[in-house]
Amino acid sequence: MTHRTTLLRLALSGAFALSAAASAATQSTGSGAKEQCAGIVKAGKNDCATSTNDCHSHATVDSSPEAWIYVPKGTCDKIVGGHVVHVKEPPPKK
């Protein structure tokens, strides 16, 4: 086997391995079920309104106990500081 053939086989096997890993990662999230997880969001990265603001991306502090994002179901309880919330979208007007 030549050096060129070895490199080609190595490149192809690497591409197949990356493809398989990406496929496995996509399948591991299951059916796509999501939950709302609060207490872990960086400022300005929340998914929807809180009692202190009425639009997504307007959380002003990191790890706000009200600001939430969608995460794959079952993930929130595994994250330090995270807790599952059930917020209607959009929140009711006051």
C-alpha atoms as a PDB file:
ATOM      1  CA  MET A   1       0.000   0.000   0.000  1.00  0.00           C
ATOM      2  CA  THR A   2       1.334   3.407  -0.906  1.00  0.00           C
ATOM      3  CA  HIS A   3       1.547   6.416   1.341  1.00  0.00           C
ATOM      4  CA  ARG A   4      -1.109   8.170  -0.750  1.00  0.00           C
ATOM      5  CA  THR A   5      -3.556   5.257  -0.431  1.00  0.00           C
ATOM      6  CA  THR A   6      -3.024   5.137   3.330  1.00  0.00           C
ATOM      7  CA  LEU A   7      -3.777   8.845   3.663  1.00  0.00           C
ATOM      8  CA  LEU A   8      -6.886   8.532   1.496  1.00  0.00           C
ATOM      9  CA  ARG A   9      -8.214   5.621   3.571  1.00  0.00           C
ATOM     10  CA  LEU A  10      -7.492   7.496   6.793  1.00  0.00           C
ATOM     11  CA  ALA A  11      -9.327  10.590   5.533  1.00  0.00           C
ATOM     12  CA  LEU A  12     -12.333   8.535   4.444  1.00  0.00           C
ATOM     13  CA  SER A  13     -12.543   6.630   7.722  1.00  0.00           C
ATOM     14  CA  GLY A  14     -12.358   9.925   9.631  1.00  0.00           C
ATOM     15  CA  ALA A  15     -15.195  11.362   7.555  1.00  0.00           C
ATOM     16  CA  PHE A  16     -17.335   8.284   8.221  1.00  0.00           C
ATOM     17  CA  ALA A  17     -16.583   8.452  11.947  1.00  0.00           C
ATOM     18  CA  LEU A  18     -17.612  12.127  12.114  1.00  0.00           C
ATOM     19  CA  SER A  19     -20.782  11.384  10.183  1.00  0.00           C
ATOM     20  CA  ALA A  20     -21.701   8.541  12.545  1.00  0.00           C
ATOM     21  CA  ALA A  21     -21.005  10.698  15.615  1.00  0.00           C
ATOM     22  CA  ALA A  22     -23.169  13.520  14.299  1.00  0.00           C
ATOM     23  CA  SER A  23     -25.977  11.098  13.559  1.00  0.00           C
ATOM     24  CA  ALA A  24     -25.775   9.569  17.047  1.00  0.00           C
ATOM     25  CA  ALA A  25     -25.826  13.010  18.669  1.00  0.00           C
ATOM     26  CA  THR A  26     -28.934  13.961  16.713  1.00  0.00           C
ATOM     27  CA  GLN A  27     -30.722  10.744  17.648  1.00  0.00           C
ATOM     28  CA  SER A  28     -29.813  10.972  21.346  1.00  0.00           C
ATOM     29  CA  THR A  29     -32.105  13.964  21.872  1.00  0.00           C
ATOM     30  CA  GLY A  30     -35.069  11.637  21.364  1.00  0.00           C
ATOM     31  CA  SER A  31     -38.373  12.805  20.036  1.00  0.00           C
ATOM     32  CA  GLY A  32     -37.507  16.471  20.268  1.00  0.00           C
ATOM     33  CA  ALA A  33     -39.453  16.991  23.495  1.00  0.00           C
ATOM     34  CA  LYS A  34     -38.381  20.193  25.223  1.00  0.00           C
ATOM     35  CA  GLU A  35     -38.820  21.737  28.655  1.00  0.00           C
ATOM     36  CA  GLN A  36     -38.437  25.269  29.953  1.00  0.00           C
ATOM     37  CA  CYS A  37     -35.358  25.561  32.181  1.00  0.00           C
ATOM     38  CA  ALA A  38     -34.833  28.650  34.358  1.00  0.00           C
ATOM     39  CA  GLY A  39     -31.868  29.799  36.401  1.00  0.00           C
ATOM     40  CA  ILE A  40     -29.151  28.965  33.872  1.00  0.00           C
ATOM     41  CA  VAL A  41     -29.513  31.649  31.222  1.00  0.00           C
ATOM     42  CA  LYS A  42     -26.889  34.257  30.368  1.00  0.00           C
ATOM     43  CA  ALA A  43     -28.097  37.850  30.343  1.00  0.00           C
ATOM     44  CA  GLY A  44     -29.821  38.643  27.058  1.00  0.00           C
ATOM     45  CA  LYS A  45     -30.186  35.017  25.969  1.00  0.00           C
ATOM     46  CA  ASN A  46     -33.587  34.048  27.437  1.00  0.00           C
ATOM     47  CA  ASP A  47     -36.252  32.508  25.183  1.00  0.00           C
ATOM     48  CA  CYS A  48     -39.332  34.385  26.367  1.00  0.00           C
ATOM     49  CA  ALA A  49     -40.709  36.978  28.738  1.00  0.00           C
ATOM     50  CA  THR A  50     -40.385  37.071  32.524  1.00  0.00           C
ATOM     51  CA  SER A  51     -42.217  39.152  35.120  1.00  0.00           C
ATOM     52  CA  THR A  52     -39.588  41.880  34.699  1.00  0.00           C
ATOM     53  CA  ASN A  53     -39.590  42.084  30.889  1.00  0.00           C
ATOM     54  CA  ASP A  54     -41.995  41.281  28.099  1.00  0.00           C
ATOM     55  CA  CYS A  55     -39.746  40.015  25.350  1.00  0.00           C
ATOM     56  CA  HIS A  56     -37.114  37.348  24.714  1.00  0.00           C
ATOM     57  CA  SER A  57     -33.442  38.273  25.003  1.00  0.00           C
ATOM     58  CA  HIS A  58     -34.116  40.974  27.592  1.00  0.00           C
ATOM     59  CA  ALA A  59     -32.909  39.279  30.790  1.00  0.00           C
ATOM     60  CA  THR A  60     -30.504  41.721  32.421  1.00  0.00           C
ATOM     61  CA  VAL A  61     -28.494  39.377  34.678  1.00  0.00           C
ATOM     62  CA  ASP A  62     -26.924  35.945  34.342  1.00  0.00           C
ATOM     63  CA  SER A  63     -28.710  33.031  36.063  1.00  0.00           C
ATOM     64  CA  SER A  64     -31.925  34.929  36.718  1.00  0.00           C
ATOM     65  CA  PRO A  65     -34.325  32.568  38.519  1.00  0.00           C
ATOM     66  CA  GLU A  66     -37.133  33.655  36.142  1.00  0.00           C
ATOM     67  CA  ALA A  67     -35.357  33.772  32.783  1.00  0.00           C
ATOM     68  CA  TRP A  68     -35.616  30.470  30.919  1.00  0.00           C
ATOM     69  CA  ILE A  69     -34.598  28.687  27.733  1.00  0.00           C
ATOM     70  CA  TYR A  70     -35.788  25.516  26.052  1.00  0.00           C
ATOM     71  CA  VAL A  71     -33.601  22.454  26.663  1.00  0.00           C
ATOM     72  CA  PRO A  72     -34.111  18.788  25.748  1.00  0.00           C
ATOM     73  CA  LYS A  73     -36.532  17.149  28.188  1.00  0.00           C
ATOM     74  CA  GLY A  74     -34.753  15.691  31.227  1.00  0.00           C
ATOM     75  CA  THR A  75     -31.721  17.982  30.902  1.00  0.00           C
ATOM     76  CA  CYS A  76     -32.660  20.839  33.230  1.00  0.00           C
ATOM     77  CA  ASP A  77     -32.495  18.824  36.441  1.00  0.00           C
ATOM     78  CA  LYS A  78     -28.929  17.814  35.549  1.00  0.00           C
ATOM     79  CA  ILE A  79     -27.694  21.423  35.401  1.00  0.00           C
ATOM     80  CA  VAL A  80     -26.537  23.187  38.569  1.00  0.00           C
ATOM     81  CA  GLY A  81     -28.928  26.048  39.298  1.00  0.00           C
ATOM     82  CA  GLY A  82     -31.481  24.879  36.750  1.00  0.00           C
ATOM     83  CA  HIS A  83     -35.128  24.288  37.563  1.00  0.00           C
ATOM     84  CA  VAL A  84     -38.040  23.382  35.314  1.00  0.00           C
ATOM     85  CA  VAL A  85     -40.726  26.044  34.911  1.00  0.00           C
ATOM     86  CA  HIS A  86     -44.020  26.010  33.048  1.00  0.00           C
ATOM     87  CA  VAL A  87     -44.622  29.402  31.483  1.00  0.00           C
ATOM     88  CA  LYS A  88     -47.394  30.052  28.963  1.00  0.00           C
ATOM     89  CA  GLU A  89     -46.267  31.763  25.773  1.00  0.00           C
ATOM     90  CA  PRO A  90     -46.843  34.631  25.511  1.00  0.00           C
ATOM     91  CA  PRO A  91     -47.293  35.432  29.179  1.00  0.00           C
ATOM     92  CA  PRO A  92     -50.656  36.852  30.181  1.00  0.00           C
ATOM     93  CA  LYS A  93     -50.936  40.664  30.085  1.00  0.00           C
ATOM     94  CA  LYS A  94     -51.134  42.339  33.496  1.00  0.00           C
END
